């Protein structure tokens, strides 16, 4: 029997609760409740403009919708860190 692939999840919201500081909990903060969201089949948007890979392909097309704009030199790396040259 093969193993099922693990589903990727992320914590969307955590509800911290202040408790007495102890050896078990030295910070004094315990997570009372955590809301999780699955990440399967989600479109991942990059950068401050939240551009998806599909949108990036449209922007890079010199004969397409954005032919009058200056997007031909844009790379996926540039979306993650726009300050890098």
N, C-alpha and C. Protein backbone atom coordinates (compact mmCIF):
# COMPACT_ATOMS: atom_id res chain seq x y z
N UNK A 1 0.85 -1.18 0.00
CA UNK A 1 0.00 0.00 0.00
C UNK A 1 0.90 1.24 0.00
N UNK A 2 0.68 2.13 -0.94
CA UNK A 2 1.51 3.32 -1.04
C UNK A 2 1.03 4.41 -0.08
N UNK A 3 1.98 5.26 0.29
CA UNK A 3 1.65 6.36 1.19
C UNK A 3 0.95 7.46 0.43
N UNK A 4 0.00 8.10 1.07
CA UNK A 4 -0.67 9.25 0.48
C UNK A 4 0.24 10.46 0.64
N UNK A 5 0.30 11.31 -0.37
CA UNK A 5 1.12 12.51 -0.22
C UNK A 5 0.52 13.44 0.83
N UNK A 6 1.40 14.06 1.62
CA UNK A 6 0.92 14.98 2.64
C UNK A 6 0.39 16.24 2.00
N UNK A 7 -0.69 16.76 2.54
CA UNK A 7 -1.27 17.98 2.01
C UNK A 7 -0.59 19.17 2.68
N UNK A 8 -0.27 20.18 1.87
CA UNK A 8 0.37 21.37 2.40
C UNK A 8 -0.69 22.27 3.02
N UNK A 9 -0.40 22.76 4.21
CA UNK A 9 -1.32 23.65 4.90
C UNK A 9 -0.53 24.85 5.44
N UNK A 10 -1.25 25.93 5.69
CA UNK A 10 -0.66 27.11 6.30
C UNK A 10 -1.59 27.60 7.39
N UNK A 11 -1.01 28.20 8.42
CA UNK A 11 -1.81 28.77 9.50
C UNK A 11 -2.31 30.14 9.06
N UNK A 12 -3.61 30.30 8.99
CA UNK A 12 -4.20 31.56 8.55
C UNK A 12 -4.37 32.50 9.74
N UNK A 13 -4.80 31.97 10.86
CA UNK A 13 -5.05 32.79 12.05
C UNK A 13 -4.75 31.96 13.28
N UNK A 14 -4.04 32.56 14.23
CA UNK A 14 -3.77 31.89 15.50
C UNK A 14 -4.34 32.74 16.63
N UNK A 15 -4.89 32.10 17.64
CA UNK A 15 -5.44 32.78 18.80
C UNK A 15 -4.54 32.50 20.00
N UNK A 16 -3.67 33.45 20.36
CA UNK A 16 -2.78 33.21 21.49
C UNK A 16 -3.51 33.45 22.82
N UNK A 17 -3.06 32.75 23.84
CA UNK A 17 -3.62 32.90 25.18
C UNK A 17 -2.45 33.09 26.15
N UNK A 18 -2.53 34.09 27.01
CA UNK A 18 -1.48 34.34 27.99
C UNK A 18 -1.67 33.40 29.17
N UNK A 19 -0.61 32.71 29.52
CA UNK A 19 -0.62 31.76 30.64
C UNK A 19 0.56 32.09 31.55
N UNK A 20 0.55 31.59 32.78
CA UNK A 20 1.69 31.83 33.67
C UNK A 20 2.97 31.23 33.08
N UNK A 21 4.07 31.95 33.25
CA UNK A 21 5.36 31.47 32.75
C UNK A 21 5.79 30.28 33.60
N UNK A 22 6.18 29.21 32.91
CA UNK A 22 6.61 28.00 33.59
C UNK A 22 7.76 27.38 32.81
N UNK A 23 8.29 26.29 33.33
CA UNK A 23 9.37 25.58 32.64
C UNK A 23 8.86 24.99 31.33
N UNK A 24 7.61 24.54 31.33
CA UNK A 24 7.01 23.95 30.13
C UNK A 24 6.72 25.02 29.07
N UNK A 25 6.32 26.22 29.50
CA UNK A 25 5.97 27.30 28.59
C UNK A 25 6.70 28.57 29.02
N UNK A 26 7.99 28.73 28.63
CA UNK A 26 8.77 29.87 29.11
C UNK A 26 8.37 31.22 28.52
N UNK A 27 7.62 31.23 27.43
CA UNK A 27 7.21 32.51 26.83
C UNK A 27 5.97 33.08 27.48
N UNK A 28 5.15 32.24 28.08
CA UNK A 28 3.91 32.70 28.69
C UNK A 28 2.78 32.86 27.69
N UNK A 29 2.99 32.41 26.47
CA UNK A 29 1.95 32.49 25.44
C UNK A 29 1.72 31.11 24.84
N UNK A 30 0.47 30.68 24.82
CA UNK A 30 0.10 29.40 24.25
C UNK A 30 -0.92 29.64 23.15
N UNK A 31 -0.82 28.87 22.07
CA UNK A 31 -1.79 28.98 20.98
C UNK A 31 -3.03 28.19 21.37
N UNK A 32 -4.12 28.89 21.57
CA UNK A 32 -5.37 28.27 21.99
C UNK A 32 -6.08 27.61 20.82
N UNK A 33 -6.10 28.30 19.68
CA UNK A 33 -6.81 27.80 18.51
C UNK A 33 -6.04 28.25 17.27
N UNK A 34 -6.00 27.41 16.25
CA UNK A 34 -5.28 27.73 15.02
C UNK A 34 -6.17 27.36 13.83
N UNK A 35 -6.34 28.31 12.91
CA UNK A 35 -7.12 28.07 11.70
C UNK A 35 -6.16 27.72 10.58
N UNK A 36 -6.38 26.60 9.95
CA UNK A 36 -5.50 26.12 8.89
C UNK A 36 -6.20 26.18 7.55
N UNK A 37 -5.42 26.33 6.49
CA UNK A 37 -5.97 26.33 5.14
C UNK A 37 -5.08 25.47 4.27
N UNK A 38 -5.69 24.63 3.45
CA UNK A 38 -4.93 23.79 2.52
C UNK A 38 -4.39 24.62 1.38
N UNK A 39 -3.22 24.24 0.87
CA UNK A 39 -2.59 24.97 -0.22
C UNK A 39 -2.62 24.21 -1.54
N UNK A 40 -3.31 23.10 -1.61
CA UNK A 40 -3.37 22.33 -2.86
C UNK A 40 -4.13 23.09 -3.93
N UNK A 41 -3.58 23.07 -5.13
CA UNK A 41 -4.21 23.67 -6.31
C UNK A 41 -4.52 25.15 -6.15
N UNK A 42 -3.73 25.84 -5.35
CA UNK A 42 -3.92 27.28 -5.22
C UNK A 42 -2.98 27.99 -6.16
N UNK A 43 -3.45 29.05 -6.74
CA UNK A 43 -2.60 29.87 -7.57
C UNK A 43 -1.72 30.70 -6.64
N UNK A 44 -0.44 30.72 -6.92
CA UNK A 44 0.47 31.47 -6.09
C UNK A 44 0.82 32.76 -6.82
N UNK A 45 0.55 33.88 -6.17
CA UNK A 45 0.85 35.18 -6.74
C UNK A 45 2.14 35.70 -6.10
N UNK A 46 2.95 36.37 -6.90
CA UNK A 46 4.25 36.83 -6.45
C UNK A 46 4.32 38.35 -6.43
N UNK A 47 5.09 38.88 -5.49
CA UNK A 47 5.41 40.30 -5.45
C UNK A 47 4.30 41.18 -4.94
N UNK A 48 4.61 42.46 -4.89
CA UNK A 48 3.67 43.44 -4.35
C UNK A 48 2.44 43.59 -5.25
N UNK A 49 2.59 43.33 -6.54
CA UNK A 49 1.47 43.44 -7.47
C UNK A 49 0.64 42.16 -7.51
N UNK A 50 1.09 41.09 -6.82
CA UNK A 50 0.39 39.81 -6.77
C UNK A 50 0.14 39.25 -8.17
N UNK A 51 1.21 39.08 -8.93
CA UNK A 51 1.15 38.57 -10.30
C UNK A 51 1.29 37.06 -10.29
N UNK A 52 0.36 36.37 -10.92
CA UNK A 52 0.42 34.91 -11.03
C UNK A 52 1.31 34.54 -12.23
N UNK A 53 1.66 33.26 -12.32
CA UNK A 53 2.51 32.82 -13.43
C UNK A 53 1.81 33.00 -14.77
N UNK A 54 0.49 32.81 -14.78
CA UNK A 54 -0.28 32.99 -16.02
C UNK A 54 -0.28 34.46 -16.45
N UNK A 55 -0.42 35.36 -15.48
CA UNK A 55 -0.40 36.79 -15.78
C UNK A 55 0.98 37.22 -16.26
N UNK A 56 2.04 36.67 -15.65
CA UNK A 56 3.40 36.99 -16.06
C UNK A 56 3.63 36.61 -17.52
N UNK A 57 3.09 35.47 -17.93
CA UNK A 57 3.23 35.02 -19.31
C UNK A 57 2.55 36.02 -20.26
N UNK A 58 1.40 36.54 -19.87
CA UNK A 58 0.69 37.53 -20.69
C UNK A 58 1.48 38.83 -20.76
N UNK A 59 2.05 39.25 -19.65
CA UNK A 59 2.82 40.50 -19.61
C UNK A 59 4.09 40.42 -20.45
N UNK A 60 4.71 39.25 -20.50
CA UNK A 60 5.96 39.09 -21.24
C UNK A 60 5.74 38.96 -22.75
N UNK A 61 4.52 38.70 -23.18
CA UNK A 61 4.22 38.55 -24.61
C UNK A 61 4.27 39.91 -25.29
N UNK A 62 5.28 40.11 -26.16
CA UNK A 62 5.47 41.42 -26.82
C UNK A 62 4.42 41.71 -27.88
N UNK A 63 3.69 40.71 -28.32
CA UNK A 63 2.65 40.92 -29.34
C UNK A 63 1.24 40.84 -28.74
N UNK A 64 1.15 40.68 -27.45
CA UNK A 64 -0.15 40.49 -26.81
C UNK A 64 -0.77 41.77 -26.29
N UNK A 65 -1.57 41.61 -25.22
CA UNK A 65 -2.33 42.72 -24.65
C UNK A 65 -1.46 43.86 -24.13
N UNK A 66 -0.27 43.53 -23.61
CA UNK A 66 0.56 44.55 -22.98
C UNK A 66 1.70 45.03 -23.88
N UNK A 67 1.47 45.02 -25.20
CA UNK A 67 2.56 45.38 -26.13
C UNK A 67 2.95 46.85 -26.02
N UNK A 68 2.06 47.71 -25.51
CA UNK A 68 2.36 49.13 -25.39
C UNK A 68 3.04 49.49 -24.07
N UNK A 69 3.26 48.52 -23.21
CA UNK A 69 3.86 48.78 -21.91
C UNK A 69 5.26 48.18 -21.85
N UNK A 70 6.00 48.49 -20.81
CA UNK A 70 7.40 48.04 -20.70
C UNK A 70 7.52 46.85 -19.75
N UNK A 71 7.08 45.70 -20.20
CA UNK A 71 7.17 44.50 -19.39
C UNK A 71 8.05 43.42 -20.02
N UNK A 72 8.68 43.69 -21.14
CA UNK A 72 9.38 42.62 -21.84
C UNK A 72 10.60 42.11 -21.11
N UNK A 73 11.21 42.89 -20.21
CA UNK A 73 12.39 42.44 -19.49
C UNK A 73 12.09 41.88 -18.10
N UNK A 74 10.83 41.74 -17.75
CA UNK A 74 10.46 41.30 -16.41
C UNK A 74 10.67 39.78 -16.27
N UNK A 75 11.21 39.38 -15.11
CA UNK A 75 11.44 37.96 -14.83
C UNK A 75 10.71 37.59 -13.54
N UNK A 76 10.53 36.31 -13.34
CA UNK A 76 9.86 35.84 -12.12
C UNK A 76 10.70 36.17 -10.90
N UNK A 77 12.04 36.16 -11.03
CA UNK A 77 12.91 36.53 -9.93
C UNK A 77 12.68 37.97 -9.50
N UNK A 78 12.40 38.84 -10.46
CA UNK A 78 12.20 40.25 -10.17
C UNK A 78 10.94 40.49 -9.34
N UNK A 79 9.97 39.63 -9.48
CA UNK A 79 8.74 39.79 -8.71
C UNK A 79 8.96 39.48 -7.23
N UNK A 80 9.83 38.51 -6.96
CA UNK A 80 10.09 38.15 -5.57
C UNK A 80 10.91 39.19 -4.85
N UNK A 81 11.90 39.80 -5.53
CA UNK A 81 12.77 40.81 -4.92
C UNK A 81 13.01 41.90 -5.95
N UNK A 82 12.14 42.93 -6.02
CA UNK A 82 12.25 43.95 -7.05
C UNK A 82 13.47 44.86 -6.88
N UNK A 83 14.07 44.90 -5.70
CA UNK A 83 15.23 45.78 -5.47
C UNK A 83 16.51 45.20 -6.02
N UNK A 84 16.53 43.90 -6.28
CA UNK A 84 17.72 43.25 -6.80
C UNK A 84 17.96 43.67 -8.25
N UNK A 85 19.19 43.95 -8.60
CA UNK A 85 19.49 44.35 -9.98
C UNK A 85 20.31 43.30 -10.66
